[in-house]
N, C-alpha and C. Protein backbone atom coordinates (compact mmCIF):
# COMPACT_ATOMS: atom_id res chain seq x y z
N MET A 1 -254.41 -34.69 126.78
CA MET A 1 -255.56 -34.03 126.24
C MET A 1 -256.46 -33.53 127.37
N LYS A 2 -256.55 -34.27 128.45
CA LYS A 2 -257.39 -33.89 129.57
C LYS A 2 -256.92 -32.59 130.20
N GLU A 3 -255.60 -32.42 130.33
CA GLU A 3 -255.08 -31.21 130.95
C GLU A 3 -255.34 -29.97 130.08
N ILE A 4 -255.39 -30.14 128.76
CA ILE A 4 -255.70 -29.02 127.88
C ILE A 4 -257.15 -28.59 128.05
N VAL A 5 -258.05 -29.56 128.10
CA VAL A 5 -259.47 -29.25 128.29
C VAL A 5 -259.68 -28.56 129.64
N GLU A 6 -259.03 -29.05 130.68
CA GLU A 6 -259.15 -28.44 132.00
C GLU A 6 -258.57 -27.02 132.02
N TYR A 7 -257.48 -26.82 131.29
CA TYR A 7 -256.87 -25.49 131.22
C TYR A 7 -257.84 -24.48 130.59
N PHE A 8 -258.47 -24.86 129.49
CA PHE A 8 -259.41 -23.95 128.84
C PHE A 8 -260.69 -23.79 129.65
N LEU A 9 -261.07 -24.81 130.38
CA LEU A 9 -262.24 -24.69 131.25
C LEU A 9 -261.97 -23.68 132.36
N LYS A 10 -260.74 -23.67 132.85
CA LYS A 10 -260.34 -22.69 133.85
C LYS A 10 -260.40 -21.27 133.28
N ASN A 11 -260.16 -21.14 131.97
CA ASN A 11 -260.25 -19.85 131.28
C ASN A 11 -261.63 -19.59 130.69
N ARG A 12 -262.62 -20.34 131.15
CA ARG A 12 -264.04 -20.17 130.80
C ARG A 12 -264.35 -20.46 129.34
N ILE A 13 -263.68 -21.46 128.77
CA ILE A 13 -264.01 -21.94 127.43
C ILE A 13 -264.36 -23.42 127.57
N LEU A 14 -265.60 -23.76 127.28
CA LEU A 14 -266.08 -25.13 127.40
C LEU A 14 -266.24 -25.70 126.00
N PHE A 15 -265.62 -26.87 125.77
CA PHE A 15 -265.65 -27.47 124.44
C PHE A 15 -266.78 -28.47 124.32
N LYS A 16 -267.44 -28.43 123.18
CA LYS A 16 -268.50 -29.37 122.86
C LYS A 16 -267.90 -30.62 122.20
N SER A 17 -266.96 -30.41 121.29
CA SER A 17 -266.23 -31.51 120.67
C SER A 17 -264.74 -31.18 120.70
N PHE A 18 -263.93 -32.22 120.84
CA PHE A 18 -262.49 -32.04 120.97
C PHE A 18 -261.81 -33.27 120.41
N LYS A 19 -260.98 -33.11 119.38
CA LYS A 19 -260.29 -34.27 118.81
C LYS A 19 -258.86 -33.91 118.46
N GLU A 20 -258.02 -34.93 118.52
CA GLU A 20 -256.62 -34.75 118.17
C GLU A 20 -256.42 -35.09 116.70
N ILE A 21 -255.62 -34.29 116.02
CA ILE A 21 -255.34 -34.49 114.60
C ILE A 21 -253.99 -35.17 114.47
N ASP A 22 -253.94 -36.20 113.66
CA ASP A 22 -252.69 -36.91 113.41
C ASP A 22 -251.80 -36.05 112.51
N THR A 23 -250.55 -35.85 112.89
CA THR A 23 -249.67 -34.97 112.14
C THR A 23 -249.27 -35.57 110.79
N THR A 24 -249.40 -36.87 110.62
CA THR A 24 -249.06 -37.47 109.32
C THR A 24 -250.10 -37.09 108.26
N LEU A 25 -251.33 -36.80 108.67
CA LEU A 25 -252.34 -36.34 107.72
C LEU A 25 -252.01 -34.97 107.16
N LEU A 26 -251.27 -34.18 107.93
CA LEU A 26 -250.85 -32.85 107.50
C LEU A 26 -249.49 -32.86 106.82
N LYS A 27 -248.90 -34.05 106.70
CA LYS A 27 -247.61 -34.23 106.06
C LYS A 27 -246.51 -33.41 106.71
N THR A 28 -246.45 -33.51 108.03
CA THR A 28 -245.40 -32.83 108.77
C THR A 28 -244.77 -33.81 109.75
N ARG A 29 -243.50 -33.60 110.04
CA ARG A 29 -242.79 -34.44 110.98
C ARG A 29 -242.44 -33.68 112.25
N LYS A 30 -243.01 -32.52 112.40
CA LYS A 30 -242.76 -31.71 113.60
C LYS A 30 -243.30 -32.41 114.83
N LYS A 31 -242.62 -32.18 115.95
CA LYS A 31 -243.06 -32.76 117.21
C LYS A 31 -243.99 -31.78 117.90
N LEU A 32 -245.28 -31.93 117.61
CA LEU A 32 -246.28 -31.08 118.20
C LEU A 32 -247.60 -31.83 118.24
N ASN A 33 -248.48 -31.37 119.10
CA ASN A 33 -249.82 -31.93 119.20
C ASN A 33 -250.79 -30.91 118.63
N ILE A 34 -251.70 -31.39 117.79
CA ILE A 34 -252.67 -30.51 117.15
C ILE A 34 -254.06 -31.00 117.52
N PHE A 35 -254.91 -30.07 117.93
CA PHE A 35 -256.27 -30.40 118.32
C PHE A 35 -257.23 -29.50 117.56
N SER A 36 -258.36 -30.06 117.17
CA SER A 36 -259.44 -29.32 116.55
C SER A 36 -260.64 -29.44 117.46
N SER A 37 -261.28 -28.32 117.76
CA SER A 37 -262.38 -28.36 118.71
C SER A 37 -263.45 -27.33 118.37
N THR A 38 -264.62 -27.55 118.96
CA THR A 38 -265.75 -26.64 118.84
C THR A 38 -266.25 -26.34 120.23
N ASP A 39 -266.46 -25.06 120.53
CA ASP A 39 -266.96 -24.71 121.86
C ASP A 39 -268.49 -24.70 121.86
N THR A 40 -269.08 -24.38 122.99
CA THR A 40 -270.54 -24.44 123.14
C THR A 40 -271.24 -23.35 122.33
N LYS A 41 -270.52 -22.30 121.92
CA LYS A 41 -271.09 -21.25 121.09
C LYS A 41 -270.87 -21.53 119.60
N LEU A 42 -270.39 -22.76 119.29
CA LEU A 42 -270.14 -23.25 117.93
C LEU A 42 -269.05 -22.47 117.21
N ASN A 43 -268.06 -21.98 117.95
CA ASN A 43 -266.86 -21.39 117.38
C ASN A 43 -265.79 -22.47 117.25
N TYR A 44 -265.06 -22.45 116.16
CA TYR A 44 -264.02 -23.44 115.93
C TYR A 44 -262.69 -22.95 116.49
N HIS A 45 -261.99 -23.86 117.15
CA HIS A 45 -260.68 -23.56 117.75
C HIS A 45 -259.66 -24.55 117.20
N SER A 46 -258.49 -24.06 116.84
CA SER A 46 -257.36 -24.94 116.56
C SER A 46 -256.34 -24.69 117.66
N ILE A 47 -255.85 -25.78 118.23
CA ILE A 47 -254.93 -25.69 119.36
C ILE A 47 -253.65 -26.44 119.01
N PHE A 48 -252.53 -25.76 119.09
CA PHE A 48 -251.23 -26.35 118.84
C PHE A 48 -250.46 -26.34 120.15
N LYS A 49 -249.94 -27.50 120.55
CA LYS A 49 -249.15 -27.60 121.78
C LYS A 49 -247.74 -28.02 121.41
N ILE A 50 -246.78 -27.19 121.83
CA ILE A 50 -245.39 -27.44 121.49
C ILE A 50 -244.57 -27.40 122.78
N VAL A 51 -243.75 -28.44 122.96
CA VAL A 51 -242.82 -28.49 124.09
C VAL A 51 -241.41 -28.47 123.50
N ARG A 52 -240.66 -27.43 123.84
CA ARG A 52 -239.31 -27.26 123.31
C ARG A 52 -238.36 -26.86 124.41
N LYS A 53 -237.12 -27.23 124.22
CA LYS A 53 -236.07 -26.77 125.14
C LYS A 53 -235.42 -25.51 124.59
N SER A 54 -235.41 -25.37 123.27
CA SER A 54 -234.79 -24.20 122.67
C SER A 54 -235.82 -23.11 122.43
N ARG A 55 -235.36 -21.98 122.02
CA ARG A 55 -236.22 -20.81 121.79
C ARG A 55 -237.07 -21.01 120.53
N PHE A 56 -238.29 -20.53 120.58
CA PHE A 56 -239.23 -20.59 119.45
C PHE A 56 -238.97 -19.37 118.58
N LEU A 57 -238.47 -19.58 117.36
CA LEU A 57 -238.04 -18.48 116.49
C LEU A 57 -239.09 -18.13 115.45
N GLU A 58 -238.81 -17.07 114.68
CA GLU A 58 -239.75 -16.62 113.66
C GLU A 58 -239.95 -17.67 112.58
N LYS A 59 -238.90 -18.39 112.20
CA LYS A 59 -239.05 -19.43 111.17
C LYS A 59 -239.98 -20.54 111.68
N ASN A 60 -239.96 -20.83 112.97
CA ASN A 60 -240.89 -21.81 113.54
C ASN A 60 -242.32 -21.29 113.50
N ALA A 61 -242.50 -19.99 113.71
CA ALA A 61 -243.83 -19.40 113.66
C ALA A 61 -244.40 -19.46 112.25
N ILE A 62 -243.56 -19.24 111.25
CA ILE A 62 -244.00 -19.32 109.86
C ILE A 62 -244.41 -20.76 109.54
N GLU A 63 -243.65 -21.73 110.02
CA GLU A 63 -244.00 -23.14 109.80
C GLU A 63 -245.32 -23.51 110.47
N ILE A 64 -245.58 -22.98 111.65
CA ILE A 64 -246.83 -23.25 112.36
C ILE A 64 -248.02 -22.69 111.59
N VAL A 65 -247.86 -21.49 111.03
CA VAL A 65 -248.94 -20.88 110.25
C VAL A 65 -249.21 -21.71 108.99
N GLU A 66 -248.15 -22.22 108.35
CA GLU A 66 -248.33 -23.07 107.17
C GLU A 66 -249.04 -24.37 107.53
N ILE A 67 -248.72 -24.95 108.67
CA ILE A 67 -249.40 -26.17 109.11
C ILE A 67 -250.86 -25.88 109.41
N GLU A 68 -251.13 -24.69 109.93
CA GLU A 68 -252.51 -24.31 110.22
C GLU A 68 -253.33 -24.18 108.94
N TYR A 69 -252.72 -23.68 107.85
CA TYR A 69 -253.41 -23.63 106.56
C TYR A 69 -253.73 -25.04 106.06
N LYS A 70 -252.80 -25.97 106.25
CA LYS A 70 -253.06 -27.36 105.87
C LYS A 70 -254.19 -27.96 106.70
N LEU A 71 -254.25 -27.58 107.97
CA LEU A 71 -255.33 -28.05 108.84
C LEU A 71 -256.67 -27.50 108.38
N GLN A 72 -256.71 -26.27 107.92
CA GLN A 72 -257.94 -25.70 107.39
C GLN A 72 -258.42 -26.46 106.16
N GLU A 73 -257.49 -26.87 105.30
CA GLU A 73 -257.85 -27.64 104.12
C GLU A 73 -258.33 -29.04 104.51
N LEU A 74 -257.71 -29.63 105.51
CA LEU A 74 -258.09 -30.97 105.95
C LEU A 74 -259.47 -30.98 106.59
N GLU A 75 -259.74 -30.01 107.46
CA GLU A 75 -261.01 -29.94 108.17
C GLU A 75 -262.11 -29.26 107.36
N LYS A 76 -261.73 -28.60 106.27
CA LYS A 76 -262.65 -27.92 105.36
C LYS A 76 -263.44 -26.78 106.02
N HIS A 77 -262.81 -26.06 106.90
CA HIS A 77 -263.38 -24.84 107.46
C HIS A 77 -262.27 -24.01 108.10
N ASN A 78 -262.56 -22.73 108.27
CA ASN A 78 -261.61 -21.83 108.92
C ASN A 78 -261.84 -21.87 110.42
N PHE A 79 -260.81 -21.61 111.16
CA PHE A 79 -260.89 -21.59 112.61
C PHE A 79 -260.99 -20.13 113.07
N LYS A 80 -261.95 -19.87 113.93
CA LYS A 80 -262.11 -18.52 114.45
C LYS A 80 -261.00 -18.18 115.43
N TYR A 81 -260.64 -19.16 116.27
CA TYR A 81 -259.60 -18.96 117.28
C TYR A 81 -258.46 -19.94 117.04
N LYS A 82 -257.24 -19.41 117.07
CA LYS A 82 -256.04 -20.22 116.90
C LYS A 82 -255.20 -20.04 118.16
N HIS A 83 -254.92 -21.13 118.84
CA HIS A 83 -254.19 -21.09 120.10
C HIS A 83 -252.84 -21.80 119.95
N LEU A 84 -251.83 -21.24 120.57
CA LEU A 84 -250.52 -21.87 120.64
C LEU A 84 -250.15 -21.99 122.10
N ILE A 85 -250.05 -23.23 122.58
CA ILE A 85 -249.61 -23.49 123.95
C ILE A 85 -248.13 -23.81 123.85
N LEU A 86 -247.32 -22.95 124.42
CA LEU A 86 -245.88 -23.05 124.27
C LEU A 86 -245.22 -23.22 125.63
N ASP A 87 -244.40 -24.26 125.74
CA ASP A 87 -243.64 -24.49 126.95
C ASP A 87 -242.19 -24.15 126.64
N GLY A 88 -241.82 -22.93 126.86
CA GLY A 88 -240.48 -22.47 126.54
C GLY A 88 -240.50 -21.00 126.24
N THR A 89 -239.39 -20.50 125.72
CA THR A 89 -239.29 -19.07 125.41
C THR A 89 -239.59 -18.83 123.95
N ILE A 90 -239.99 -17.60 123.65
CA ILE A 90 -240.35 -17.23 122.28
C ILE A 90 -239.60 -15.97 121.89
N CYS A 91 -239.17 -15.91 120.66
CA CYS A 91 -238.49 -14.75 120.10
C CYS A 91 -239.51 -13.62 119.93
N SER A 92 -239.09 -12.38 120.08
CA SER A 92 -240.01 -11.25 119.97
C SER A 92 -240.57 -11.11 118.56
N LYS A 93 -239.79 -11.44 117.54
CA LYS A 93 -240.28 -11.37 116.17
C LYS A 93 -241.35 -12.44 115.93
N ALA A 94 -241.15 -13.63 116.48
CA ALA A 94 -242.15 -14.69 116.35
C ALA A 94 -243.42 -14.31 117.08
N TYR A 95 -243.28 -13.68 118.22
CA TYR A 95 -244.43 -13.23 119.01
C TYR A 95 -245.27 -12.23 118.22
N THR A 96 -244.64 -11.22 117.66
CA THR A 96 -245.38 -10.21 116.91
C THR A 96 -245.96 -10.79 115.62
N TYR A 97 -245.25 -11.71 114.98
CA TYR A 97 -245.76 -12.34 113.76
C TYR A 97 -247.04 -13.12 114.05
N LEU A 98 -247.04 -13.93 115.12
CA LEU A 98 -248.22 -14.71 115.45
C LEU A 98 -249.38 -13.82 115.92
N LYS A 99 -249.09 -12.78 116.68
CA LYS A 99 -250.13 -11.85 117.12
C LYS A 99 -250.78 -11.16 115.92
N ASP A 100 -249.97 -10.78 114.91
CA ASP A 100 -250.51 -10.15 113.72
C ASP A 100 -251.39 -11.10 112.91
N LYS A 101 -251.10 -12.39 112.98
CA LYS A 101 -251.89 -13.39 112.27
C LYS A 101 -253.13 -13.81 113.04
N GLY A 102 -253.32 -13.29 114.25
CA GLY A 102 -254.53 -13.58 115.02
C GLY A 102 -254.42 -14.75 115.97
N TRP A 103 -253.23 -15.15 116.32
CA TRP A 103 -253.02 -16.27 117.24
C TRP A 103 -253.10 -15.79 118.68
N ARG A 104 -253.53 -16.70 119.55
CA ARG A 104 -253.52 -16.45 121.00
C ARG A 104 -252.44 -17.33 121.59
N LEU A 105 -251.52 -16.72 122.33
CA LEU A 105 -250.39 -17.45 122.90
C LEU A 105 -250.64 -17.71 124.38
N HIS A 106 -250.35 -18.93 124.80
CA HIS A 106 -250.56 -19.34 126.20
C HIS A 106 -249.22 -19.86 126.76
N TYR A 107 -248.73 -19.18 127.80
CA TYR A 107 -247.50 -19.58 128.45
C TYR A 107 -247.75 -20.23 129.81
N ASP A 108 -248.88 -19.94 130.42
CA ASP A 108 -249.15 -20.38 131.78
C ASP A 108 -249.84 -21.73 131.83
N PHE A 109 -249.53 -22.61 130.90
CA PHE A 109 -250.20 -23.90 130.82
C PHE A 109 -249.84 -24.80 131.98
N MET A 110 -248.58 -24.94 132.27
CA MET A 110 -248.16 -25.83 133.37
C MET A 110 -247.44 -25.06 134.42
């Protein structure tokens, strides 16, 4: 969690609150880390961190968007910024799908 906060601080985003969401509350068994945070300008951020050896496909992107809707219901608010920190390669269709949905993709995390 510390490295994520430092990464966003390097990109000039300072968080006021930052918490990790348990994936069992969202009823998913995916191996990912989900964070809900608020920056100093009171904008809400949802951060998904995924470490994969295989390629991130369009079906995975659709699943991530569905999990994000569940997170909105759990937290009872919409997120202004949605971030995906991905360690691996991404399919071009998944990339365009997430960009159209308003996601910000981060590859330079580590």
